[in-house]
């Protein structure tokens, strides 16, 4: 073998090392530069008035923008809630004195997101912004408590009753009642919501979603939502949140 053939074979070998580092099947949908047209993610929401779970899915219009649907369930609490426990009662459950209802929001709406700063070629974090708006459905479920009921001066029993601030003093309450009591008395309050914020994507590959969202939500209702008996109740809720989403970008088969 002369030196010209040796150089030629050497150049081919070096080229294969430099330019064939990644082995991706053509037609798999994951070729570099290929747009994965759909996305789906699930996540958790921690906010200033509670916590929640969410589902986020839709279409990637291009590498900079996507749009879709957000479904979010949130357990809402008042800033004034303080948990108490009755001393001297075996297996007594903690309760919030003055709490009238458990409150839940179900948000369903349109979501749009856009990329502000793409990830550097060596990796890191991409930064985007998003907004969502739609229907906010509020459901309230009455609070039930374990209370002392006196049949006579010396005779009393423990019963479970719906909390009534005009009837139950703090001395009557022994603990929290069953969570499953009161579902037959659910009440619905229609409303709307608007939320927006910034997203930080930590995905390691094109098909992954690993994202932290930071932002604020505003929920508006036609009527005041009764949470506490001795505090002012409002028809609007402004909360600040952190969300963490995991999911996938993909092409439908």
Protein backbone atom coordinates (compact mmCIF):
# COMPACT_ATOMS: atom_id res chain seq x y z
CA UNK A 1 0.00 0.00 0.00
CA UNK A 2 1.54 3.36 -1.05
CA UNK A 3 1.34 6.47 1.06
CA UNK A 4 -1.47 8.05 -1.06
CA UNK A 5 -3.85 5.17 -0.30
CA UNK A 6 -2.86 5.29 3.35
CA UNK A 7 -3.65 9.02 3.56
CA UNK A 8 -6.99 8.49 1.79
CA UNK A 9 -8.07 5.73 4.21
CA UNK A 10 -6.89 7.82 7.16
CA UNK A 11 -9.00 10.79 6.07
CA UNK A 12 -12.09 8.59 5.77
CA UNK A 13 -11.52 7.20 9.28
CA UNK A 14 -11.03 10.66 10.83
CA UNK A 15 -14.18 11.96 9.09
CA UNK A 16 -16.23 9.08 10.44
CA UNK A 17 -15.05 9.82 13.99
CA UNK A 18 -15.72 13.55 13.77
CA UNK A 19 -19.05 13.52 11.98
CA UNK A 20 -20.68 10.24 13.03
CA UNK A 21 -20.76 10.67 16.79
CA UNK A 22 -24.54 10.17 17.05
CA UNK A 23 -26.43 7.28 15.51
CA UNK A 24 -30.09 8.20 14.84
CA UNK A 25 -32.38 6.23 12.58
CA UNK A 26 -33.68 8.19 9.60
CA UNK A 27 -37.45 8.49 9.80
CA UNK A 28 -37.53 8.10 13.57
CA UNK A 29 -38.67 11.70 14.01
CA UNK A 30 -35.65 12.56 16.18
CA UNK A 31 -33.23 13.69 13.49
CA UNK A 32 -31.38 16.87 14.38
CA UNK A 33 -33.47 19.85 13.30
CA UNK A 34 -36.69 17.83 12.99
CA UNK A 35 -39.73 19.47 14.59
CA UNK A 36 -41.63 17.18 16.96
CA UNK A 37 -45.15 18.46 16.37
CA UNK A 38 -46.96 17.50 19.57
CA UNK A 39 -46.30 17.64 23.31
CA UNK A 40 -47.76 16.18 26.48
CA UNK A 41 -46.74 16.81 30.09
CA UNK A 42 -47.99 16.37 33.63
CA UNK A 43 -46.94 18.36 36.64
CA UNK A 44 -47.39 19.63 40.18
CA UNK A 45 -48.34 23.13 41.28
CA UNK A 46 -47.21 24.72 44.56
CA UNK A 47 -48.75 28.14 45.13
CA UNK A 48 -49.34 30.76 47.79
CA UNK A 49 -52.80 29.38 48.65
CA UNK A 50 -52.38 25.65 48.19
CA UNK A 51 -51.19 23.00 45.77
CA UNK A 52 -52.40 21.25 42.64
CA UNK A 53 -51.88 18.84 39.76
CA UNK A 54 -51.98 19.59 36.04
CA UNK A 55 -51.99 18.20 32.51
CA UNK A 56 -50.60 20.26 29.61
CA UNK A 57 -50.84 19.12 25.98
CA UNK A 58 -50.97 20.54 22.46
CA UNK A 59 -48.97 21.29 19.31
CA UNK A 60 -45.55 22.75 18.59
CA UNK A 61 -46.20 25.28 15.82
CA UNK A 62 -42.45 25.71 15.27
CA UNK A 63 -39.28 25.58 17.36
CA UNK A 64 -40.20 28.90 19.00
CA UNK A 65 -43.94 28.63 19.72
CA UNK A 66 -46.49 26.11 20.92
CA UNK A 67 -50.15 26.19 21.89
CA UNK A 68 -52.56 23.77 23.46
CA UNK A 69 -54.77 23.07 26.46
CA UNK A 70 -54.14 23.29 30.20
CA UNK A 71 -56.17 21.29 32.75
CA UNK A 72 -55.35 22.09 36.36
CA UNK A 73 -56.85 20.95 39.67
CA UNK A 74 -56.00 23.09 42.71
CA UNK A 75 -56.73 22.65 46.43
CA UNK A 76 -57.28 26.19 47.77
CA UNK A 77 -56.76 27.41 51.35
CA UNK A 78 -57.31 30.70 53.15
CA UNK A 79 -54.35 32.69 54.43
CA UNK A 80 -56.13 32.77 57.81
CA UNK A 81 -56.26 29.00 58.35
CA UNK A 82 -54.60 27.74 61.55
CA UNK A 83 -54.69 24.05 62.45
CA UNK A 84 -55.65 23.19 66.03
CA UNK A 85 -55.68 19.91 67.97
CA UNK A 86 -57.74 19.12 71.06
CA UNK A 87 -55.49 18.07 73.94
CA UNK A 88 -56.39 15.00 75.99
CA UNK A 89 -58.44 13.32 73.24
CA UNK A 90 -57.04 10.01 71.96
CA UNK A 91 -56.63 9.93 68.15
CA UNK A 92 -58.05 13.43 67.83
CA UNK A 93 -57.70 14.84 64.31
CA UNK A 94 -56.52 18.39 63.75
CA UNK A 95 -59.07 20.93 62.50
CA UNK A 96 -59.22 24.53 61.31
CA UNK A 97 -61.51 26.55 63.54
CA UNK A 98 -63.88 28.75 61.56
CA UNK A 99 -63.41 26.94 58.24
CA UNK A 100 -66.75 26.55 56.46
CA UNK A 101 -65.77 24.76 53.25
CA UNK A 102 -63.03 22.91 51.47
CA UNK A 103 -62.43 24.74 48.18
CA UNK A 104 -61.19 23.33 44.86
CA UNK A 105 -60.54 24.98 41.50
CA UNK A 106 -60.70 23.14 38.19
CA UNK A 107 -59.12 25.26 35.47
CA UNK A 108 -59.54 24.33 31.80
CA UNK A 109 -58.27 26.68 29.16
CA UNK A 110 -56.08 27.66 26.23
CA UNK A 111 -52.33 27.94 26.72
CA UNK A 112 -49.68 29.55 24.52
CA UNK A 113 -45.91 29.55 25.05
CA UNK A 114 -42.96 31.07 23.21
CA UNK A 115 -39.18 30.76 23.45
CA UNK A 116 -37.23 33.83 24.60
CA UNK A 117 -33.69 32.46 24.92
CA UNK A 118 -32.61 29.15 23.45
CA UNK A 119 -30.26 26.75 25.18
CA UNK A 120 -26.51 27.14 24.41
CA UNK A 121 -25.00 24.44 22.20
CA UNK A 122 -23.18 22.87 25.18
CA UNK A 123 -26.44 22.48 27.16
CA UNK A 124 -28.01 24.42 29.98
CA UNK A 125 -31.41 26.05 30.31
CA UNK A 126 -33.76 27.59 27.76
CA UNK A 127 -36.06 30.40 28.90
CA UNK A 128 -39.57 31.07 27.64
CA UNK A 129 -42.79 32.81 28.55
CA UNK A 130 -46.39 31.60 28.60
CA UNK A 131 -49.95 32.62 29.28
CA UNK A 132 -53.19 30.71 29.77
CA UNK A 133 -56.83 31.74 30.03
CA UNK A 134 -60.12 29.91 30.30
CA UNK A 135 -62.82 28.64 32.65
CA UNK A 136 -62.25 28.35 36.38
CA UNK A 137 -64.79 26.08 38.06
CA UNK A 138 -64.90 26.38 41.85
CA UNK A 139 -66.35 23.57 43.96
CA UNK A 140 -66.99 23.91 47.69
CA UNK A 141 -67.56 20.99 50.08
CA UNK A 142 -68.80 21.64 53.64
CA UNK A 143 -66.50 20.95 56.58
CA UNK A 144 -67.71 18.28 59.01
CA UNK A 145 -66.44 18.04 62.59
CA UNK A 146 -66.52 15.63 65.49
CA UNK A 147 -68.41 17.50 68.22
CA UNK A 148 -69.74 16.88 71.73
CA UNK A 149 -73.52 16.63 71.88
CA UNK A 150 -75.08 16.85 75.35
CA UNK A 151 -78.24 14.85 76.00
CA UNK A 152 -78.26 16.02 79.61
CA UNK A 153 -75.88 17.69 82.04
CA UNK A 154 -74.08 14.39 82.72
CA UNK A 155 -74.75 12.58 79.45
CA UNK A 156 -73.01 13.43 76.18
CA UNK A 157 -71.91 11.68 73.00
CA UNK A 158 -69.58 12.30 70.05
CA UNK A 159 -71.37 13.02 66.77
CA UNK A 160 -70.28 14.24 63.35
CA UNK A 161 -71.97 17.43 62.21
CA UNK A 162 -71.52 20.05 59.54
CA UNK A 163 -69.71 23.01 61.04
CA UNK A 164 -72.05 25.83 62.01
CA UNK A 165 -70.36 28.91 63.54
CA UNK A 166 -73.59 29.90 65.30
CA UNK A 167 -73.93 26.48 66.91
CA UNK A 168 -70.43 25.09 67.50
CA UNK A 169 -68.03 26.87 69.82
CA UNK A 170 -64.36 25.92 69.94
CA UNK A 171 -65.05 24.05 73.21
CA UNK A 172 -67.57 21.77 71.47
CA UNK A 173 -65.17 20.60 68.77
CA UNK A 174 -63.17 17.41 69.35
CA UNK A 175 -61.61 17.06 65.92
CA UNK A 176 -62.01 16.94 62.16
CA UNK A 177 -64.75 14.76 60.67
CA UNK A 178 -64.50 12.36 57.75
CA UNK A 179 -63.26 13.82 54.47
CA UNK A 180 -65.96 11.85 52.64
CA UNK A 181 -68.79 13.60 54.46
CA UNK A 182 -70.43 16.42 52.52
CA UNK A 183 -69.91 15.32 48.92
CA UNK A 184 -73.70 15.32 48.50
CA UNK A 185 -73.64 19.05 49.33
CA UNK A 186 -71.07 20.19 46.77
CA UNK A 187 -71.71 23.67 45.41
CA UNK A 188 -70.50 25.07 42.08
CA UNK A 189 -69.30 28.62 41.39
CA UNK A 190 -68.52 29.54 37.75
CA UNK A 191 -65.62 31.81 36.93
CA UNK A 192 -62.68 32.57 34.66
CA UNK A 193 -58.92 32.60 35.11
CA UNK A 194 -55.84 34.21 33.61
CA UNK A 195 -52.27 33.17 34.33
CA UNK A 196 -48.85 33.87 32.95
CA UNK A 197 -45.19 33.61 33.72
CA UNK A 198 -41.77 32.38 32.66
CA UNK A 199 -40.56 28.86 32.01
CA UNK A 200 -37.11 27.30 32.42
CA UNK A 201 -36.56 24.10 30.43
CA UNK A 202 -33.87 21.66 31.60
CA UNK A 203 -34.49 18.93 29.01
CA UNK A 204 -31.47 16.85 28.00
CA UNK A 205 -32.82 15.86 24.58
CA UNK A 206 -35.19 17.21 21.96
CA UNK A 207 -38.02 14.85 22.88
CA UNK A 208 -37.91 15.45 26.67
CA UNK A 209 -39.84 17.99 28.73
CA UNK A 210 -38.29 18.93 32.09
CA UNK A 211 -39.62 22.39 32.89
CA UNK A 212 -40.01 24.76 35.84
CA UNK A 213 -42.72 27.42 35.51
CA UNK A 214 -42.85 30.55 37.68
CA UNK A 215 -45.78 32.94 37.49
CA UNK A 216 -49.12 34.20 38.80
CA UNK A 217 -52.79 33.24 38.45
CA UNK A 218 -55.92 35.36 38.81
CA UNK A 219 -59.26 33.57 39.31
CA UNK A 220 -62.47 35.62 39.15
CA UNK A 221 -65.96 34.44 40.17
CA UNK A 222 -69.47 35.88 40.06
CA UNK A 223 -69.93 35.42 43.81
CA UNK A 224 -67.76 35.40 46.91
CA UNK A 225 -66.33 32.00 47.79
CA UNK A 226 -67.17 31.06 51.43
CA UNK A 227 -64.03 29.58 53.01
CA UNK A 228 -63.91 31.04 56.54
CA UNK A 229 -66.69 32.07 58.92
CA UNK A 230 -64.96 34.95 60.69
CA UNK A 231 -62.88 36.39 57.86
CA UNK A 232 -63.67 38.39 54.74
CA UNK A 233 -64.32 36.12 51.77
CA UNK A 234 -63.54 37.27 48.22
CA UNK A 235 -64.72 36.69 44.67
CA UNK A 236 -61.15 36.83 43.32
CA UNK A 237 -57.94 34.93 44.08
CA UNK A 238 -54.48 36.17 43.09
CA UNK A 239 -51.82 33.52 43.66
CA UNK A 240 -48.16 33.06 42.79
CA UNK A 241 -46.96 29.62 41.80
CA UNK A 242 -44.12 27.25 41.02
CA UNK A 243 -44.87 24.37 38.66
CA UNK A 244 -42.71 21.45 37.66
CA UNK A 245 -43.60 19.58 34.48
CA UNK A 246 -42.30 16.34 32.98
CA UNK A 247 -43.36 14.99 29.61
CA UNK A 248 -42.46 14.44 26.00
CA UNK A 249 -42.41 16.04 22.57
CA UNK A 250 -43.39 13.56 19.89
CA UNK A 251 -44.87 12.96 16.46
CA UNK A 252 -48.18 11.10 16.37
CA UNK A 253 -48.05 7.75 14.62
